[in-house]
PDB file of N, CA and C in Angstrom:
ATOM      1  N   UNK A   1      -6.187   9.712  10.096  1.00  0.00           N
ATOM      2  CA  UNK A   1      -6.238   8.607   9.091  1.00  0.00           C
ATOM      3  C   UNK A   1      -6.039   7.342   9.616  1.00  0.00           C
ATOM      4  N   UNK A   2      -7.184   6.363   9.262  1.00  0.00           N
ATOM      5  CA  UNK A   2      -6.862   4.850   9.745  1.00  0.00           C
ATOM      6  C   UNK A   2      -6.752   3.966   8.583  1.00  0.00           C
ATOM      7  N   UNK A   3      -5.280   3.521   8.979  1.00  0.00           N
ATOM      8  CA  UNK A   3      -4.935   2.530   7.761  1.00  0.00           C
ATOM      9  C   UNK A   3      -5.121   0.890   8.649  1.00  0.00           C
ATOM     10  N   UNK A   4      -5.400   0.087   7.838  1.00  0.00           N
ATOM     11  CA  UNK A   4      -5.178  -1.370   8.110  1.00  0.00           C
ATOM     12  C   UNK A   4      -4.044  -2.011   7.664  1.00  0.00           C
ATOM     13  N   UNK A   5      -3.830  -3.283   8.552  1.00  0.00           N
ATOM     14  CA  UNK A   5      -2.610  -4.110   7.831  1.00  0.00           C
ATOM     15  C   UNK A   5      -3.271  -4.466   6.188  1.00  0.00           C
ATOM     16  N   UNK A   6      -2.426  -4.277   5.248  1.00  0.00           N
ATOM     17  CA  UNK A   6      -2.741  -4.919   3.976  1.00  0.00           C
ATOM     18  C   UNK A   6      -3.455  -3.920   3.025  1.00  0.00           C
ATOM     19  N   UNK A   7      -3.667  -2.697   3.588  1.00  0.00           N
ATOM     20  CA  UNK A   7      -4.020  -1.171   2.741  1.00  0.00           C
ATOM     21  C   UNK A   7      -3.340  -1.045   1.744  1.00  0.00           C
ATOM     22  N   UNK A   8      -3.896  -0.615   0.510  1.00  0.00           N
ATOM     23  CA  UNK A   8      -2.928   0.106  -0.386  1.00  0.00           C
ATOM     24  C   UNK A   8      -3.100   1.268  -0.325  1.00  0.00           C
ATOM     25  N   UNK A   9      -1.771   2.120  -0.296  1.00  0.00           N
ATOM     26  CA  UNK A   9      -1.739   3.403  -0.172  1.00  0.00           C
ATOM     27  C   UNK A   9      -0.479   4.054  -1.000  1.00  0.00           C
ATOM     28  N   UNK A  10      -0.572   5.141  -0.911  1.00  0.00           N
ATOM     29  CA  UNK A  10       0.540   6.134  -1.639  1.00  0.00           C
ATOM     30  C   UNK A  10       0.978   7.063  -0.892  1.00  0.00           C
ATOM     31  N   UNK A  11       2.096   7.784  -1.039  1.00  0.00           N
ATOM     32  CA  UNK A  11       2.441   9.192  -0.285  1.00  0.00           C
ATOM     33  C   UNK A  11       1.517  10.266  -0.765  1.00  0.00           C
ATOM     34  N   UNK A  12       1.253  11.148  -0.157  1.00  0.00           N
ATOM     35  CA  UNK A  12       0.543  12.230  -0.688  1.00  0.00           C
ATOM     36  C   UNK A  12       1.269  12.961  -1.888  1.00  0.00           C
ATOM     37  N   UNK A  13       2.475  13.208  -1.509  1.00  0.00           N
ATOM     38  CA  UNK A  13       3.301  13.889  -2.685  1.00  0.00           C
ATOM     39  C   UNK A  13       3.433  13.088  -3.769  1.00  0.00           C
ATOM     40  N   UNK A  14       2.964  11.677  -3.882  1.00  0.00           N
ATOM     41  CA  UNK A  14       2.849  10.846  -5.432  1.00  0.00           C
ATOM     42  C   UNK A  14       3.951   9.579  -5.160  1.00  0.00           C
ATOM     43  N   UNK A  15       4.089   8.803  -6.139  1.00  0.00           N
ATOM     44  CA  UNK A  15       4.730   7.822  -5.860  1.00  0.00           C
ATOM     45  C   UNK A  15       4.112   6.551  -6.132  1.00  0.00           C
ATOM     46  N   UNK A  16       4.750   5.132  -5.723  1.00  0.00           N
ATOM     47  CA  UNK A  16       4.196   3.869  -6.382  1.00  0.00           C
ATOM     48  C   UNK A  16       3.194   3.719  -5.000  1.00  0.00           C
ATOM     49  N   UNK A  17       2.406   2.641  -5.651  1.00  0.00           N
ATOM     50  CA  UNK A  17       1.512   2.065  -4.452  1.00  0.00           C
ATOM     51  C   UNK A  17       2.268   1.156  -3.682  1.00  0.00           C
ATOM     52  N   UNK A  18       1.722   1.189  -2.475  1.00  0.00           N
ATOM     53  CA  UNK A  18       2.570   0.358  -1.308  1.00  0.00           C
ATOM     54  C   UNK A  18       1.395  -0.271  -0.187  1.00  0.00           C
ATOM     55  N   UNK A  19       1.643  -1.267   0.088  1.00  0.00           N
ATOM     56  CA  UNK A  19       1.118  -2.227   1.059  1.00  0.00           C
ATOM     57  C   UNK A  19       1.477  -1.777   2.293  1.00  0.00           C
ATOM     58  N   UNK A  20       0.641  -1.602   3.361  1.00  0.00           N
ATOM     59  CA  UNK A  20       0.824  -1.487   4.835  1.00  0.00           C
ATOM     60  C   UNK A  20       0.989  -2.705   5.193  1.00  0.00           C
ATOM     61  N   UNK A  21       2.242  -2.875   5.961  1.00  0.00           N
ATOM     62  CA  UNK A  21       2.804  -4.271   6.343  1.00  0.00           C
ATOM     63  C   UNK A  21       2.630  -4.277   7.964  1.00  0.00           C
ATOM     64  N   UNK A  22       2.761  -3.192   8.564  1.00  0.00           N
ATOM     65  CA  UNK A  22       2.910  -3.098   9.923  1.00  0.00           C
ATOM     66  C   UNK A  22       2.721  -1.759  10.378  1.00  0.00           C
ATOM     67  N   UNK A  23       1.949  -1.712  11.574  1.00  0.00           N
ATOM     68  CA  UNK A  23       1.396  -0.399  12.134  1.00  0.00           C
ATOM     69  C   UNK A  23       2.579   0.104  13.030  1.00  0.00           C
ATOM     70  N   UNK A  24       3.164   1.092  13.322  1.00  0.00           N
ATOM     71  CA  UNK A  24       4.191   1.443  14.552  1.00  0.00           C
ATOM     72  C   UNK A  24       3.370   1.908  15.705  1.00  0.00           C
ATOM     73  N   UNK A  25       4.023   2.375  16.785  1.00  0.00           N
ATOM     74  CA  UNK A  25       3.631   2.859  18.005  1.00  0.00           C
ATOM     75  C   UNK A  25       3.657   4.460  17.885  1.00  0.00           C
ATOM     76  N   UNK A  26       4.017   5.233  16.912  1.00  0.00           N
ATOM     77  CA  UNK A  26       4.354   6.239  16.860  1.00  0.00           C
ATOM     78  C   UNK A  26       3.488   6.972  15.591  1.00  0.00           C
ATOM     79  N   UNK A  27       2.537   6.642  15.455  1.00  0.00           N
ATOM     80  CA  UNK A  27       1.691   7.101  14.493  1.00  0.00           C
ATOM     81  C   UNK A  27       2.371   7.055  12.737  1.00  0.00           C
ATOM     82  N   UNK A  28       3.286   6.134  12.561  1.00  0.00           N
ATOM     83  CA  UNK A  28       3.859   5.468  11.390  1.00  0.00           C
ATOM     84  C   UNK A  28       3.304   4.041  10.885  1.00  0.00           C
ATOM     85  N   UNK A  29       3.579   3.817   9.748  1.00  0.00           N
ATOM     86  CA  UNK A  29       3.203   2.487   9.312  1.00  0.00           C
ATOM     87  C   UNK A  29       4.509   2.137   8.464  1.00  0.00           C
ATOM     88  N   UNK A  30       5.085   0.716   8.366  1.00  0.00           N
ATOM     89  CA  UNK A  30       5.910   0.074   7.546  1.00  0.00           C
ATOM     90  C   UNK A  30       5.335  -0.215   6.513  1.00  0.00           C
ATOM     91  N   UNK A  31       5.747   0.195   5.056  1.00  0.00           N
ATOM     92  CA  UNK A  31       4.715  -0.337   4.116  1.00  0.00           C
ATOM     93  C   UNK A  31       5.944  -1.081   3.004  1.00  0.00           C
ATOM     94  N   UNK A  32       5.355  -1.828   2.296  1.00  0.00           N
ATOM     95  CA  UNK A  32       6.040  -2.777   1.406  1.00  0.00           C
ATOM     96  C   UNK A  32       6.033  -2.048  -0.427  1.00  0.00           C
ATOM     97  N   UNK A  33       6.779  -1.720  -1.048  1.00  0.00           N
ATOM     98  CA  UNK A  33       6.897  -1.598  -2.383  1.00  0.00           C
ATOM     99  C   UNK A  33       8.115  -2.146  -3.102  1.00  0.00           C
ATOM    100  N   UNK A  34       7.733  -1.988  -4.583  1.00  0.00           N
ATOM    101  CA  UNK A  34       8.901  -2.548  -5.173  1.00  0.00           C
ATOM    102  C   UNK A  34       9.652  -1.405  -5.835  1.00  0.00           C
ATOM    103  N   UNK A  35      11.032  -1.540  -5.683  1.00  0.00           N
ATOM    104  CA  UNK A  35      11.938  -0.424  -6.540  1.00  0.00           C
ATOM    105  C   UNK A  35      12.829  -1.169  -7.274  1.00  0.00           C
ATOM    106  N   UNK A  36      12.781  -1.178  -8.365  1.00  0.00           N
ATOM    107  CA  UNK A  36      13.542  -1.714  -9.695  1.00  0.00           C
ATOM    108  C   UNK A  36      13.587  -3.274  -9.335  1.00  0.00           C
ATOM    109  N   UNK A  37      12.315  -3.942  -9.266  1.00  0.00           N
ATOM    110  CA  UNK A  37      12.095  -5.224  -9.104  1.00  0.00           C
ATOM    111  C   UNK A  37      12.780  -5.794  -7.664  1.00  0.00           C
ATOM    112  N   UNK A  38      12.657  -4.740  -6.893  1.00  0.00           N
ATOM    113  CA  UNK A  38      13.294  -5.653  -5.340  1.00  0.00           C
ATOM    114  C   UNK A  38      12.317  -4.918  -4.504  1.00  0.00           C
ATOM    115  N   UNK A  39      11.863  -5.964  -3.592  1.00  0.00           N
ATOM    116  CA  UNK A  39      11.103  -5.615  -2.587  1.00  0.00           C
ATOM    117  C   UNK A  39      11.541  -4.671  -1.359  1.00  0.00           C
ATOM    118  N   UNK A  40      11.039  -3.682  -1.196  1.00  0.00           N
ATOM    119  CA  UNK A  40      11.684  -2.739  -0.169  1.00  0.00           C
ATOM    120  C   UNK A  40      10.592  -2.565   1.022  1.00  0.00           C
ATOM    121  N   UNK A  41      10.998  -2.467   1.915  1.00  0.00           N
ATOM    122  CA  UNK A  41      10.190  -1.975   3.233  1.00  0.00           C
ATOM    123  C   UNK A  41      10.835  -0.869   4.091  1.00  0.00           C
ATOM    124  N   UNK A  42       9.898   0.292   3.936  1.00  0.00           N
ATOM    125  CA  UNK A  42      10.266   1.540   4.726  1.00  0.00           C
ATOM    126  C   UNK A  42       8.920   2.172   5.674  1.00  0.00           C
ATOM    127  N   UNK A  43       9.408   2.987   6.287  1.00  0.00           N
ATOM    128  CA  UNK A  43       8.495   3.482   7.469  1.00  0.00           C
ATOM    129  C   UNK A  43       8.208   4.657   6.931  1.00  0.00           C
ATOM    130  N   UNK A  44       6.973   5.176   6.884  1.00  0.00           N
ATOM    131  CA  UNK A  44       6.479   6.496   6.609  1.00  0.00           C
ATOM    132  C   UNK A  44       5.494   7.067   7.832  1.00  0.00           C
ATOM    133  N   UNK A  45       5.381   8.089   8.121  1.00  0.00           N
ATOM    134  CA  UNK A  45       4.582   8.750   9.196  1.00  0.00           C
ATOM    135  C   UNK A  45       2.854   8.732   8.347  1.00  0.00           C
ATOM    136  N   UNK A  46       1.913   8.261   9.081  1.00  0.00           N
ATOM    137  CA  UNK A  46       0.772   8.074   8.394  1.00  0.00           C
ATOM    138  C   UNK A  46       0.073   9.315   7.820  1.00  0.00           C
ATOM    139  N   UNK A  47       0.711  10.420   8.272  1.00  0.00           N
ATOM    140  CA  UNK A  47       0.048  11.796   8.012  1.00  0.00           C
ATOM    141  C   UNK A  47       0.440  11.821   6.303  1.00  0.00           C
ATOM    142  N   UNK A  48       1.448  11.282   6.034  1.00  0.00           N
ATOM    143  CA  UNK A  48       2.359  11.497   4.703  1.00  0.00           C
ATOM    144  C   UNK A  48       1.518  10.590   3.564  1.00  0.00           C
ATOM    145  N   UNK A  49       0.731   9.680   4.320  1.00  0.00           N
ATOM    146  CA  UNK A  49       0.107   8.466   3.368  1.00  0.00           C
ATOM    147  C   UNK A  49      -1.374   8.612   3.069  1.00  0.00           C
ATOM    148  N   UNK A  50      -1.701   8.308   1.928  1.00  0.00           N
ATOM    149  CA  UNK A  50      -3.233   8.577   1.464  1.00  0.00           C
ATOM    150  C   UNK A  50      -3.792   7.390   0.900  1.00  0.00           C
ATOM    151  N   UNK A  51      -4.988   6.775   1.350  1.00  0.00           N
ATOM    152  CA  UNK A  51      -5.462   5.350   0.655  1.00  0.00           C
ATOM    153  C   UNK A  51      -5.854   5.415  -0.635  1.00  0.00           C
ATOM    154  N   UNK A  52      -5.612   4.372  -1.271  1.00  0.00           N
ATOM    155  CA  UNK A  52      -5.733   4.335  -2.564  1.00  0.00           C
ATOM    156  C   UNK A  52      -6.930   3.021  -3.026  1.00  0.00           C
ATOM    157  N   UNK A  53      -7.656   3.257  -4.067  1.00  0.00           N
ATOM    158  CA  UNK A  53      -8.702   2.888  -4.101  1.00  0.00           C
ATOM    159  C   UNK A  53      -8.145   1.770  -5.383  1.00  0.00           C
ATOM    160  N   UNK A  54      -7.856   0.143  -4.947  1.00  0.00           N
ATOM    161  CA  UNK A  54      -7.401  -0.857  -5.737  1.00  0.00           C
ATOM    162  C   UNK A  54      -7.946  -1.155  -6.969  1.00  0.00           C
ATOM    163  N   UNK A  55      -9.291  -1.079  -6.854  1.00  0.00           N
ATOM    164  CA  UNK A  55     -10.416  -0.993  -7.897  1.00  0.00           C
ATOM    165  C   UNK A  55      -9.961  -0.277  -9.332  1.00  0.00           C
ATOM    166  N   UNK A  56      -9.714   0.856  -8.685  1.00  0.00           N
ATOM    167  CA  UNK A  56      -9.569   1.793  -9.660  1.00  0.00           C
ATOM    168  C   UNK A  56      -8.315   1.860 -10.353  1.00  0.00           C
ATOM    169  N   UNK A  57      -7.292   1.277  -9.872  1.00  0.00           N
ATOM    170  CA  UNK A  57      -5.821   1.142 -10.007  1.00  0.00           C
ATOM    171  C   UNK A  57      -5.588   0.678 -11.065  1.00  0.00           C
ATOM    172  N   UNK A  58      -6.162  -0.675 -11.446  1.00  0.00           N
ATOM    173  CA  UNK A  58      -5.975  -1.487 -12.495  1.00  0.00           C
ATOM    174  C   UNK A  58      -5.210  -2.853 -11.752  1.00  0.00           C
ATOM    175  N   UNK A  59      -4.814  -2.868 -10.734  1.00  0.00           N
ATOM    176  CA  UNK A  59      -4.303  -3.943 -10.221  1.00  0.00           C
ATOM    177  C   UNK A  59      -5.005  -5.089  -9.842  1.00  0.00           C
ATOM    178  N   UNK A  60      -6.275  -4.720  -9.605  1.00  0.00           N
ATOM    179  CA  UNK A  60      -7.442  -5.852  -9.359  1.00  0.00           C
ATOM    180  C   UNK A  60      -8.512  -5.515 -10.156  1.00  0.00           C
ATOM    181  N   UNK A  61      -8.989  -6.872 -10.931  1.00  0.00           N
ATOM    182  CA  UNK A  61     -10.054  -6.570 -11.668  1.00  0.00           C
ATOM    183  C   UNK A  61     -11.556  -6.988 -11.339  1.00  0.00           C
ATOM    184  N   UNK A  62     -11.198  -7.938  -9.970  1.00  0.00           N
ATOM    185  CA  UNK A  62     -12.354  -8.118  -9.432  1.00  0.00           C
ATOM    186  C   UNK A  62     -12.839  -9.772  -9.728  1.00  0.00           C
ATOM    187  N   UNK A  63     -12.413  -9.832 -11.223  1.00  0.00           N
ATOM    188  CA  UNK A  63     -12.692 -11.165 -11.608  1.00  0.00           C
ATOM    189  C   UNK A  63     -11.902 -12.291 -11.373  1.00  0.00           C
ATOM    190  N   UNK A  64     -12.629 -13.472 -11.089  1.00  0.00           N
ATOM    191  CA  UNK A  64     -12.056 -14.788 -10.475  1.00  0.00           C
ATOM    192  C   UNK A  64     -11.757 -15.798 -11.680  1.00  0.00           C
ATOM    193  N   UNK A  65     -10.638 -16.297 -11.614  1.00  0.00           N
ATOM    194  CA  UNK A  65     -10.292 -17.406 -12.475  1.00  0.00           C
ATOM    195  C   UNK A  65     -10.906 -18.793 -12.306  1.00  0.00           C
ATOM    196  N   UNK A  66     -11.587 -19.354 -13.357  1.00  0.00           N
ATOM    197  CA  UNK A  66     -12.066 -20.615 -13.035  1.00  0.00           C
ATOM    198  C   UNK A  66     -11.344 -21.599 -13.544  1.00  0.00           C
ATOM    199  N   UNK A  67     -10.668 -22.561 -12.840  1.00  0.00           N
ATOM    200  CA  UNK A  67     -10.042 -23.509 -13.183  1.00  0.00           C
ATOM    201  C   UNK A  67     -10.823 -25.056 -13.624  1.00  0.00           C
ATOM    202  N   UNK A  68     -10.354 -25.381 -14.799  1.00  0.00           N
ATOM    203  CA  UNK A  68     -11.216 -26.801 -14.860  1.00  0.00           C
ATOM    204  C   UNK A  68     -10.588 -27.939 -14.844  1.00  0.00           C
TER     205      UNK A  68
END
């Protein structure tokens, strides 16, 4: 599995969406997620992560705001 910095992932077993913030040297990634409105950063094995399609998650609509 290949992940890039900024990729949106979740654990294979389920859980919140996370952003990959750092790739480690031991087939792991440091991910950022929110737990009770607090930002947490944790290391996870790459094999335990699955990529998520942000456009289908409802987090990103693709629409751009036009400021007047």
